[in-house]
PDB file of N, CA and C in Angstrom:
ATOM      1  N   UNK A   1     -50.160 -30.819 -47.443  1.00  0.00           N
ATOM      2  CA  UNK A   1     -49.187 -30.016 -46.275  1.00  0.00           C
ATOM      3  C   UNK A   1     -49.453 -28.560 -46.619  1.00  0.00           C
ATOM      4  N   UNK A   2     -50.680 -27.688 -47.055  1.00  0.00           N
ATOM      5  CA  UNK A   2     -50.337 -26.415 -47.776  1.00  0.00           C
ATOM      6  C   UNK A   2     -51.201 -25.385 -46.413  1.00  0.00           C
ATOM      7  N   UNK A   3     -51.826 -25.692 -45.934  1.00  0.00           N
ATOM      8  CA  UNK A   3     -52.330 -25.404 -44.499  1.00  0.00           C
ATOM      9  C   UNK A   3     -51.874 -25.091 -42.805  1.00  0.00           C
ATOM     10  N   UNK A   4     -51.673 -23.877 -43.020  1.00  0.00           N
ATOM     11  CA  UNK A   4     -50.884 -23.119 -41.457  1.00  0.00           C
ATOM     12  C   UNK A   4     -51.561 -24.499 -40.759  1.00  0.00           C
ATOM     13  N   UNK A   5     -52.680 -24.696 -40.325  1.00  0.00           N
ATOM     14  CA  UNK A   5     -52.855 -25.563 -39.364  1.00  0.00           C
ATOM     15  C   UNK A   5     -52.357 -27.464 -39.320  1.00  0.00           C
ATOM     16  N   UNK A   6     -52.122 -27.342 -40.435  1.00  0.00           N
ATOM     17  CA  UNK A   6     -51.497 -28.468 -40.795  1.00  0.00           C
ATOM     18  C   UNK A   6     -49.771 -28.069 -40.175  1.00  0.00           C
ATOM     19  N   UNK A   7     -49.433 -27.480 -40.719  1.00  0.00           N
ATOM     20  CA  UNK A   7     -48.011 -27.007 -40.254  1.00  0.00           C
ATOM     21  C   UNK A   7     -47.587 -26.595 -38.441  1.00  0.00           C
ATOM     22  N   UNK A   8     -48.220 -25.682 -38.393  1.00  0.00           N
ATOM     23  CA  UNK A   8     -47.590 -25.386 -36.939  1.00  0.00           C
ATOM     24  C   UNK A   8     -48.676 -25.447 -35.496  1.00  0.00           C
ATOM     25  N   UNK A   9     -48.473 -26.441 -35.255  1.00  0.00           N
ATOM     26  CA  UNK A   9     -49.183 -26.811 -34.438  1.00  0.00           C
ATOM     27  C   UNK A   9     -49.596 -25.937 -32.736  1.00  0.00           C
ATOM     28  N   UNK A  10     -48.673 -25.387 -31.654  1.00  0.00           N
ATOM     29  CA  UNK A  10     -47.963 -25.035 -31.211  1.00  0.00           C
ATOM     30  C   UNK A  10     -46.658 -24.826 -30.636  1.00  0.00           C
ATOM     31  N   UNK A  11     -47.050 -23.419 -30.572  1.00  0.00           N
ATOM     32  CA  UNK A  11     -44.744 -22.866 -29.838  1.00  0.00           C
ATOM     33  C   UNK A  11     -44.895 -23.989 -27.947  1.00  0.00           C
ATOM     34  N   UNK A  12     -43.569 -23.977 -29.052  1.00  0.00           N
ATOM     35  CA  UNK A  12     -42.999 -24.938 -27.277  1.00  0.00           C
ATOM     36  C   UNK A  12     -42.610 -23.689 -26.010  1.00  0.00           C
ATOM     37  N   UNK A  13     -43.208 -23.866 -25.183  1.00  0.00           N
ATOM     38  CA  UNK A  13     -42.504 -22.652 -24.326  1.00  0.00           C
ATOM     39  C   UNK A  13     -42.408 -23.423 -22.917  1.00  0.00           C
ATOM     40  N   UNK A  14     -40.948 -23.751 -22.936  1.00  0.00           N
ATOM     41  CA  UNK A  14     -40.149 -24.024 -21.417  1.00  0.00           C
ATOM     42  C   UNK A  14     -38.830 -23.071 -21.053  1.00  0.00           C
ATOM     43  N   UNK A  15     -38.607 -23.496 -19.829  1.00  0.00           N
ATOM     44  CA  UNK A  15     -38.130 -22.377 -19.857  1.00  0.00           C
ATOM     45  C   UNK A  15     -36.231 -22.669 -20.587  1.00  0.00           C
ATOM     46  N   UNK A  16     -35.972 -23.858 -21.458  1.00  0.00           N
ATOM     47  CA  UNK A  16     -35.178 -23.633 -22.322  1.00  0.00           C
ATOM     48  C   UNK A  16     -35.689 -22.666 -23.534  1.00  0.00           C
ATOM     49  N   UNK A  17     -36.770 -23.175 -24.277  1.00  0.00           N
ATOM     50  CA  UNK A  17     -36.775 -22.678 -24.924  1.00  0.00           C
ATOM     51  C   UNK A  17     -36.680 -20.663 -24.658  1.00  0.00           C
ATOM     52  N   UNK A  18     -37.604 -20.082 -23.989  1.00  0.00           N
ATOM     53  CA  UNK A  18     -37.377 -18.534 -23.569  1.00  0.00           C
ATOM     54  C   UNK A  18     -35.680 -18.033 -23.325  1.00  0.00           C
ATOM     55  N   UNK A  19     -35.112 -18.927 -23.165  1.00  0.00           N
ATOM     56  CA  UNK A  19     -33.411 -18.961 -22.945  1.00  0.00           C
ATOM     57  C   UNK A  19     -33.083 -18.624 -24.164  1.00  0.00           C
ATOM     58  N   UNK A  20     -33.395 -19.465 -24.959  1.00  0.00           N
ATOM     59  CA  UNK A  20     -32.610 -19.303 -27.088  1.00  0.00           C
ATOM     60  C   UNK A  20     -33.418 -18.185 -27.155  1.00  0.00           C
ATOM     61  N   UNK A  21     -34.817 -17.556 -27.169  1.00  0.00           N
ATOM     62  CA  UNK A  21     -35.877 -16.588 -27.139  1.00  0.00           C
ATOM     63  C   UNK A  21     -34.232 -16.075 -27.255  1.00  0.00           C
ATOM     64  N   UNK A  22     -34.393 -15.460 -25.751  1.00  0.00           N
ATOM     65  CA  UNK A  22     -32.705 -14.309 -25.221  1.00  0.00           C
ATOM     66  C   UNK A  22     -31.671 -14.529 -26.417  1.00  0.00           C
ATOM     67  N   UNK A  23     -30.508 -15.357 -26.551  1.00  0.00           N
ATOM     68  CA  UNK A  23     -30.105 -15.508 -26.510  1.00  0.00           C
ATOM     69  C   UNK A  23     -29.573 -15.939 -27.628  1.00  0.00           C
ATOM     70  N   UNK A  24     -30.913 -16.301 -28.881  1.00  0.00           N
ATOM     71  CA  UNK A  24     -29.755 -16.723 -30.086  1.00  0.00           C
ATOM     72  C   UNK A  24     -31.065 -16.333 -30.846  1.00  0.00           C
ATOM     73  N   UNK A  25     -32.250 -15.958 -30.577  1.00  0.00           N
ATOM     74  CA  UNK A  25     -33.034 -15.191 -31.499  1.00  0.00           C
ATOM     75  C   UNK A  25     -34.143 -16.750 -31.987  1.00  0.00           C
ATOM     76  N   UNK A  26     -33.761 -17.981 -30.903  1.00  0.00           N
ATOM     77  CA  UNK A  26     -34.701 -19.232 -31.599  1.00  0.00           C
ATOM     78  C   UNK A  26     -35.627 -19.707 -31.388  1.00  0.00           C
ATOM     79  N   UNK A  27     -37.040 -19.913 -31.852  1.00  0.00           N
ATOM     80  CA  UNK A  27     -38.140 -20.153 -31.078  1.00  0.00           C
ATOM     81  C   UNK A  27     -38.717 -21.253 -31.822  1.00  0.00           C
ATOM     82  N   UNK A  28     -38.939 -22.143 -30.862  1.00  0.00           N
ATOM     83  CA  UNK A  28     -39.493 -23.277 -30.320  1.00  0.00           C
ATOM     84  C   UNK A  28     -41.622 -23.742 -30.526  1.00  0.00           C
ATOM     85  N   UNK A  29     -41.233 -24.947 -31.993  1.00  0.00           N
ATOM     86  CA  UNK A  29     -42.368 -25.458 -32.321  1.00  0.00           C
ATOM     87  C   UNK A  29     -43.092 -26.358 -32.435  1.00  0.00           C
ATOM     88  N   UNK A  30     -44.195 -26.748 -32.367  1.00  0.00           N
ATOM     89  CA  UNK A  30     -44.482 -28.687 -32.346  1.00  0.00           C
ATOM     90  C   UNK A  30     -45.077 -28.599 -33.877  1.00  0.00           C
ATOM     91  N   UNK A  31     -44.553 -28.916 -34.703  1.00  0.00           N
ATOM     92  CA  UNK A  31     -45.042 -28.904 -35.984  1.00  0.00           C
ATOM     93  C   UNK A  31     -45.671 -30.226 -36.254  1.00  0.00           C
ATOM     94  N   UNK A  32     -45.769 -29.935 -37.678  1.00  0.00           N
ATOM     95  CA  UNK A  32     -46.593 -31.876 -37.723  1.00  0.00           C
ATOM     96  C   UNK A  32     -45.878 -32.405 -38.718  1.00  0.00           C
ATOM     97  N   UNK A  33     -46.319 -34.591 -38.759  1.00  0.00           N
ATOM     98  CA  UNK A  33     -45.009 -34.945 -38.783  1.00  0.00           C
ATOM     99  C   UNK A  33     -44.455 -34.599 -40.511  1.00  0.00           C
ATOM    100  N   UNK A  34     -45.563 -34.328 -41.314  1.00  0.00           N
ATOM    101  CA  UNK A  34     -45.246 -34.425 -42.310  1.00  0.00           C
ATOM    102  C   UNK A  34     -45.034 -33.189 -43.014  1.00  0.00           C
ATOM    103  N   UNK A  35     -44.400 -31.974 -42.112  1.00  0.00           N
ATOM    104  CA  UNK A  35     -44.434 -30.799 -42.545  1.00  0.00           C
ATOM    105  C   UNK A  35     -42.608 -30.690 -42.830  1.00  0.00           C
ATOM    106  N   UNK A  36     -42.913 -29.451 -44.074  1.00  0.00           N
ATOM    107  CA  UNK A  36     -41.732 -29.878 -44.443  1.00  0.00           C
ATOM    108  C   UNK A  36     -40.625 -28.387 -43.858  1.00  0.00           C
ATOM    109  N   UNK A  37     -39.333 -28.034 -43.990  1.00  0.00           N
ATOM    110  CA  UNK A  37     -38.990 -26.953 -43.250  1.00  0.00           C
ATOM    111  C   UNK A  37     -39.208 -25.333 -44.750  1.00  0.00           C
ATOM    112  N   UNK A  38     -39.064 -25.949 -45.488  1.00  0.00           N
ATOM    113  CA  UNK A  38     -39.376 -25.011 -46.354  1.00  0.00           C
ATOM    114  C   UNK A  38     -41.580 -24.245 -46.103  1.00  0.00           C
ATOM    115  N   UNK A  39     -41.750 -25.188 -45.895  1.00  0.00           N
ATOM    116  CA  UNK A  39     -43.687 -25.088 -45.170  1.00  0.00           C
ATOM    117  C   UNK A  39     -43.345 -24.781 -43.960  1.00  0.00           C
ATOM    118  N   UNK A  40     -42.567 -24.828 -43.270  1.00  0.00           N
ATOM    119  CA  UNK A  40     -42.740 -24.418 -41.446  1.00  0.00           C
ATOM    120  C   UNK A  40     -42.081 -22.727 -42.024  1.00  0.00           C
ATOM    121  N   UNK A  41     -40.997 -22.749 -42.688  1.00  0.00           N
ATOM    122  CA  UNK A  41     -40.193 -21.300 -43.047  1.00  0.00           C
ATOM    123  C   UNK A  41     -42.055 -20.681 -43.177  1.00  0.00           C
ATOM    124  N   UNK A  42     -42.383 -20.893 -44.399  1.00  0.00           N
ATOM    125  CA  UNK A  42     -43.742 -20.060 -44.924  1.00  0.00           C
ATOM    126  C   UNK A  42     -44.594 -19.536 -43.856  1.00  0.00           C
ATOM    127  N   UNK A  43     -44.699 -20.871 -43.216  1.00  0.00           N
ATOM    128  CA  UNK A  43     -46.199 -20.522 -42.523  1.00  0.00           C
ATOM    129  C   UNK A  43     -45.525 -19.564 -40.723  1.00  0.00           C
ATOM    130  N   UNK A  44     -44.410 -19.646 -40.696  1.00  0.00           N
ATOM    131  CA  UNK A  44     -44.261 -18.919 -39.319  1.00  0.00           C
ATOM    132  C   UNK A  44     -44.153 -17.545 -40.324  1.00  0.00           C
ATOM    133  N   UNK A  45     -43.577 -17.240 -41.205  1.00  0.00           N
ATOM    134  CA  UNK A  45     -43.415 -15.189 -42.128  1.00  0.00           C
ATOM    135  C   UNK A  45     -44.861 -15.464 -42.356  1.00  0.00           C
ATOM    136  N   UNK A  46     -44.926 -16.161 -42.926  1.00  0.00           N
ATOM    137  CA  UNK A  46     -46.864 -15.194 -42.759  1.00  0.00           C
ATOM    138  C   UNK A  46     -47.936 -15.310 -42.106  1.00  0.00           C
ATOM    139  N   UNK A  47     -48.586 -16.388 -41.172  1.00  0.00           N
ATOM    140  CA  UNK A  47     -48.628 -16.370 -39.601  1.00  0.00           C
ATOM    141  C   UNK A  47     -48.504 -14.573 -38.426  1.00  0.00           C
ATOM    142  N   UNK A  48     -46.621 -15.213 -38.361  1.00  0.00           N
ATOM    143  CA  UNK A  48     -46.200 -13.947 -37.423  1.00  0.00           C
ATOM    144  C   UNK A  48     -45.638 -12.485 -38.707  1.00  0.00           C
ATOM    145  N   UNK A  49     -46.178 -12.409 -39.474  1.00  0.00           N
ATOM    146  CA  UNK A  49     -45.093 -10.986 -40.272  1.00  0.00           C
ATOM    147  C   UNK A  49     -43.865 -10.605 -39.861  1.00  0.00           C
ATOM    148  N   UNK A  50     -42.707 -12.333 -40.210  1.00  0.00           N
ATOM    149  CA  UNK A  50     -41.400 -12.396 -39.399  1.00  0.00           C
ATOM    150  C   UNK A  50     -40.278 -12.820 -40.816  1.00  0.00           C
ATOM    151  N   UNK A  51     -38.858 -12.567 -40.869  1.00  0.00           N
ATOM    152  CA  UNK A  51     -38.650 -13.029 -41.592  1.00  0.00           C
ATOM    153  C   UNK A  51     -36.865 -13.861 -40.966  1.00  0.00           C
ATOM    154  N   UNK A  52     -37.421 -15.453 -41.648  1.00  0.00           N
ATOM    155  CA  UNK A  52     -36.960 -16.538 -41.273  1.00  0.00           C
ATOM    156  C   UNK A  52     -35.533 -16.914 -41.647  1.00  0.00           C
ATOM    157  N   UNK A  53     -34.371 -16.843 -41.314  1.00  0.00           N
ATOM    158  CA  UNK A  53     -33.298 -17.138 -41.467  1.00  0.00           C
ATOM    159  C   UNK A  53     -32.669 -19.264 -41.568  1.00  0.00           C
ATOM    160  N   UNK A  54     -33.194 -19.387 -40.863  1.00  0.00           N
ATOM    161  CA  UNK A  54     -33.400 -20.672 -40.773  1.00  0.00           C
ATOM    162  C   UNK A  54     -34.702 -22.210 -40.411  1.00  0.00           C
ATOM    163  N   UNK A  55     -34.599 -22.809 -40.427  1.00  0.00           N
ATOM    164  CA  UNK A  55     -34.799 -24.290 -39.425  1.00  0.00           C
ATOM    165  C   UNK A  55     -34.751 -24.843 -39.509  1.00  0.00           C
ATOM    166  N   UNK A  56     -35.035 -25.667 -38.430  1.00  0.00           N
ATOM    167  CA  UNK A  56     -34.318 -27.487 -38.139  1.00  0.00           C
ATOM    168  C   UNK A  56     -34.835 -27.509 -37.610  1.00  0.00           C
ATOM    169  N   UNK A  57     -35.764 -28.759 -37.679  1.00  0.00           N
ATOM    170  CA  UNK A  57     -36.355 -29.879 -37.108  1.00  0.00           C
ATOM    171  C   UNK A  57     -35.669 -30.852 -36.708  1.00  0.00           C
ATOM    172  N   UNK A  58     -36.671 -31.372 -35.911  1.00  0.00           N
ATOM    173  CA  UNK A  58     -35.999 -32.731 -34.863  1.00  0.00           C
ATOM    174  C   UNK A  58     -37.728 -33.490 -35.099  1.00  0.00           C
ATOM    175  N   UNK A  59     -37.023 -35.112 -35.067  1.00  0.00           N
ATOM    176  CA  UNK A  59     -38.475 -35.585 -34.631  1.00  0.00           C
ATOM    177  C   UNK A  59     -38.145 -36.686 -33.218  1.00  0.00           C
ATOM    178  N   UNK A  60     -39.136 -35.706 -31.999  1.00  0.00           N
ATOM    179  CA  UNK A  60     -39.014 -36.202 -31.155  1.00  0.00           C
ATOM    180  C   UNK A  60     -39.916 -37.442 -31.071  1.00  0.00           C
ATOM    181  N   UNK A  61     -38.979 -38.531 -30.555  1.00  0.00           N
ATOM    182  CA  UNK A  61     -39.522 -40.192 -30.280  1.00  0.00           C
ATOM    183  C   UNK A  61     -40.327 -40.392 -29.342  1.00  0.00           C
ATOM    184  N   UNK A  62     -41.789 -41.513 -29.545  1.00  0.00           N
ATOM    185  CA  UNK A  62     -42.463 -41.479 -28.332  1.00  0.00           C
ATOM    186  C   UNK A  62     -41.559 -42.240 -27.242  1.00  0.00           C
ATOM    187  N   UNK A  63     -42.468 -42.476 -26.307  1.00  0.00           N
ATOM    188  CA  UNK A  63     -41.570 -43.128 -25.084  1.00  0.00           C
ATOM    189  C   UNK A  63     -42.437 -43.953 -25.204  1.00  0.00           C
ATOM    190  N   UNK A  64     -41.860 -45.257 -24.071  1.00  0.00           N
ATOM    191  CA  UNK A  64     -42.230 -47.021 -24.253  1.00  0.00           C
ATOM    192  C   UNK A  64     -42.990 -46.389 -22.805  1.00  0.00           C
ATOM    193  N   UNK A  65     -44.720 -46.411 -21.793  1.00  0.00           N
ATOM    194  CA  UNK A  65     -44.714 -46.113 -21.199  1.00  0.00           C
ATOM    195  C   UNK A  65     -46.008 -47.368 -20.469  1.00  0.00           C
ATOM    196  N   UNK A  66     -46.419 -47.119 -19.454  1.00  0.00           N
ATOM    197  CA  UNK A  66     -46.840 -48.699 -19.014  1.00  0.00           C
ATOM    198  C   UNK A  66     -49.031 -47.958 -18.867  1.00  0.00           C
ATOM    199  N   UNK A  67     -49.481 -48.564 -18.631  1.00  0.00           N
ATOM    200  CA  UNK A  67     -50.984 -48.374 -19.218  1.00  0.00           C
ATOM    201  C   UNK A  67     -51.423 -49.057 -18.236  1.00  0.00           C
ATOM    202  N   UNK A  68     -50.895 -49.214 -16.787  1.00  0.00           N
ATOM    203  CA  UNK A  68     -51.944 -50.810 -15.974  1.00  0.00           C
ATOM    204  C   UNK A  68     -51.051 -51.710 -15.717  1.00  0.00           C
ATOM    205  N   UNK A  69     -51.415 -52.890 -16.226  1.00  0.00           N
ATOM    206  CA  UNK A  69     -50.307 -54.265 -16.726  1.00  0.00           C
ATOM    207  C   UNK A  69     -49.613 -53.968 -18.097  1.00  0.00           C
ATOM    208  N   UNK A  70     -50.153 -53.624 -19.374  1.00  0.00           N
ATOM    209  CA  UNK A  70     -49.949 -53.357 -20.841  1.00  0.00           C
ATOM    210  C   UNK A  70     -48.780 -52.707 -20.790  1.00  0.00           C
ATOM    211  N   UNK A  71     -48.266 -52.504 -21.905  1.00  0.00           N
ATOM    212  CA  UNK A  71     -47.016 -51.853 -22.323  1.00  0.00           C
ATOM    213  C   UNK A  71     -47.569 -51.228 -23.497  1.00  0.00           C
ATOM    214  N   UNK A  72     -47.240 -50.083 -23.479  1.00  0.00           N
ATOM    215  CA  UNK A  72     -47.466 -48.924 -25.117  1.00  0.00           C
ATOM    216  C   UNK A  72     -46.462 -47.974 -24.998  1.00  0.00           C
ATOM    217  N   UNK A  73     -46.763 -47.382 -26.000  1.00  0.00           N
ATOM    218  CA  UNK A  73     -45.791 -46.467 -26.705  1.00  0.00           C
ATOM    219  C   UNK A  73     -46.439 -44.604 -26.990  1.00  0.00           C
ATOM    220  N   UNK A  74     -45.995 -43.224 -26.574  1.00  0.00           N
ATOM    221  CA  UNK A  74     -46.765 -42.287 -26.878  1.00  0.00           C
ATOM    222  C   UNK A  74     -46.144 -42.821 -28.533  1.00  0.00           C
ATOM    223  N   UNK A  75     -47.177 -41.676 -29.763  1.00  0.00           N
ATOM    224  CA  UNK A  75     -46.897 -40.579 -31.214  1.00  0.00           C
ATOM    225  C   UNK A  75     -45.496 -40.622 -30.946  1.00  0.00           C
ATOM    226  N   UNK A  76     -44.529 -40.256 -32.120  1.00  0.00           N
ATOM    227  CA  UNK A  76     -43.993 -39.195 -32.554  1.00  0.00           C
ATOM    228  C   UNK A  76     -44.519 -38.212 -32.693  1.00  0.00           C
ATOM    229  N   UNK A  77     -43.383 -37.549 -31.998  1.00  0.00           N
ATOM    230  CA  UNK A  77     -43.773 -36.000 -32.539  1.00  0.00           C
ATOM    231  C   UNK A  77     -42.907 -34.918 -34.063  1.00  0.00           C
ATOM    232  N   UNK A  78     -43.205 -33.647 -33.754  1.00  0.00           N
ATOM    233  CA  UNK A  78     -41.757 -33.944 -34.785  1.00  0.00           C
ATOM    234  C   UNK A  78     -42.193 -31.900 -34.289  1.00  0.00           C
ATOM    235  N   UNK A  79     -40.497 -31.309 -33.686  1.00  0.00           N
ATOM    236  CA  UNK A  79     -40.638 -30.439 -33.326  1.00  0.00           C
ATOM    237  C   UNK A  79     -39.084 -29.818 -34.228  1.00  0.00           C
ATOM    238  N   UNK A  80     -39.666 -28.201 -34.414  1.00  0.00           N
ATOM    239  CA  UNK A  80     -38.865 -27.278 -34.766  1.00  0.00           C
ATOM    240  C   UNK A  80     -38.146 -25.939 -34.808  1.00  0.00           C
ATOM    241  N   UNK A  81     -37.094 -25.791 -35.139  1.00  0.00           N
ATOM    242  CA  UNK A  81     -36.852 -24.687 -34.152  1.00  0.00           C
ATOM    243  C   UNK A  81     -36.394 -23.700 -35.375  1.00  0.00           C
ATOM    244  N   UNK A  82     -36.810 -22.175 -35.165  1.00  0.00           N
ATOM    245  CA  UNK A  82     -36.758 -21.545 -35.925  1.00  0.00           C
ATOM    246  C   UNK A  82     -36.359 -20.595 -35.489  1.00  0.00           C
ATOM    247  N   UNK A  83     -35.125 -20.032 -36.191  1.00  0.00           N
ATOM    248  CA  UNK A  83     -34.163 -18.668 -36.120  1.00  0.00           C
ATOM    249  C   UNK A  83     -34.911 -17.731 -37.157  1.00  0.00           C
ATOM    250  N   UNK A  84     -34.796 -16.474 -36.498  1.00  0.00           N
ATOM    251  CA  UNK A  84     -35.141 -15.090 -37.420  1.00  0.00           C
ATOM    252  C   UNK A  84     -34.222 -14.505 -37.862  1.00  0.00           C
ATOM    253  N   UNK A  85     -34.565 -13.166 -38.002  1.00  0.00           N
ATOM    254  CA  UNK A  85     -33.315 -12.526 -38.445  1.00  0.00           C
ATOM    255  C   UNK A  85     -33.180 -11.665 -37.630  1.00  0.00           C
ATOM    256  N   UNK A  86     -31.583 -11.020 -37.520  1.00  0.00           N
ATOM    257  CA  UNK A  86     -31.036 -10.377 -36.654  1.00  0.00           C
ATOM    258  C   UNK A  86     -32.368  -8.872 -36.403  1.00  0.00           C
ATOM    259  N   UNK A  87     -33.105  -8.648 -35.138  1.00  0.00           N
ATOM    260  CA  UNK A  87     -33.873  -7.464 -34.851  1.00  0.00           C
ATOM    261  C   UNK A  87     -35.467  -7.975 -35.035  1.00  0.00           C
ATOM    262  N   UNK A  88     -36.158  -8.978 -35.757  1.00  0.00           N
ATOM    263  CA  UNK A  88     -37.010 -10.065 -35.338  1.00  0.00           C
ATOM    264  C   UNK A  88     -37.447 -10.541 -34.149  1.00  0.00           C
ATOM    265  N   UNK A  89     -38.519 -11.156 -33.950  1.00  0.00           N
ATOM    266  CA  UNK A  89     -39.260 -10.814 -32.567  1.00  0.00           C
ATOM    267  C   UNK A  89     -40.048 -11.620 -32.296  1.00  0.00           C
ATOM    268  N   UNK A  90     -41.404 -12.372 -31.429  1.00  0.00           N
ATOM    269  CA  UNK A  90     -42.121 -13.160 -31.897  1.00  0.00           C
ATOM    270  C   UNK A  90     -42.802 -13.055 -30.373  1.00  0.00           C
ATOM    271  N   UNK A  91     -44.083 -12.299 -30.958  1.00  0.00           N
ATOM    272  CA  UNK A  91     -44.765 -12.554 -29.459  1.00  0.00           C
ATOM    273  C   UNK A  91     -45.492 -13.689 -28.927  1.00  0.00           C
ATOM    274  N   UNK A  92     -45.279 -15.177 -28.509  1.00  0.00           N
ATOM    275  CA  UNK A  92     -45.772 -16.600 -28.646  1.00  0.00           C
ATOM    276  C   UNK A  92     -46.658 -16.623 -27.583  1.00  0.00           C
ATOM    277  N   UNK A  93     -46.136 -15.535 -26.584  1.00  0.00           N
ATOM    278  CA  UNK A  93     -46.832 -15.580 -24.901  1.00  0.00           C
ATOM    279  C   UNK A  93     -48.265 -14.958 -25.505  1.00  0.00           C
ATOM    280  N   UNK A  94     -48.808 -13.964 -25.773  1.00  0.00           N
ATOM    281  CA  UNK A  94     -50.016 -13.570 -26.644  1.00  0.00           C
ATOM    282  C   UNK A  94     -50.029 -12.651 -26.143  1.00  0.00           C
ATOM    283  N   UNK A  95     -51.086 -11.591 -25.470  1.00  0.00           N
ATOM    284  CA  UNK A  95     -51.221 -10.540 -24.174  1.00  0.00           C
ATOM    285  C   UNK A  95     -50.725  -9.148 -24.881  1.00  0.00           C
ATOM    286  N   UNK A  96     -50.282  -8.440 -24.241  1.00  0.00           N
ATOM    287  CA  UNK A  96     -49.821  -7.167 -24.392  1.00  0.00           C
ATOM    288  C   UNK A  96     -48.501  -7.105 -23.776  1.00  0.00           C
TER     289      UNK A  96
END
């Protein structure tokens, strides 16, 4: 799983993650289920050109939902919280 496309899927942009960016220099990403912490760290460093101090991961379990009269389950997905070194920032919003 060496391709960056399979490791970093998308940044998670919510009010909570925006507060984490300001308070503790942490950025949240949706990553592949098979991605390891080392692969995530290397992908962020290579893609954004920053130094990563730590990576925390968790698997978000899919919810059980109703589809008409049947029940189904959404897929599980993996979240990574990436902490950058002091003074480093990411521009995950794009633009200028």
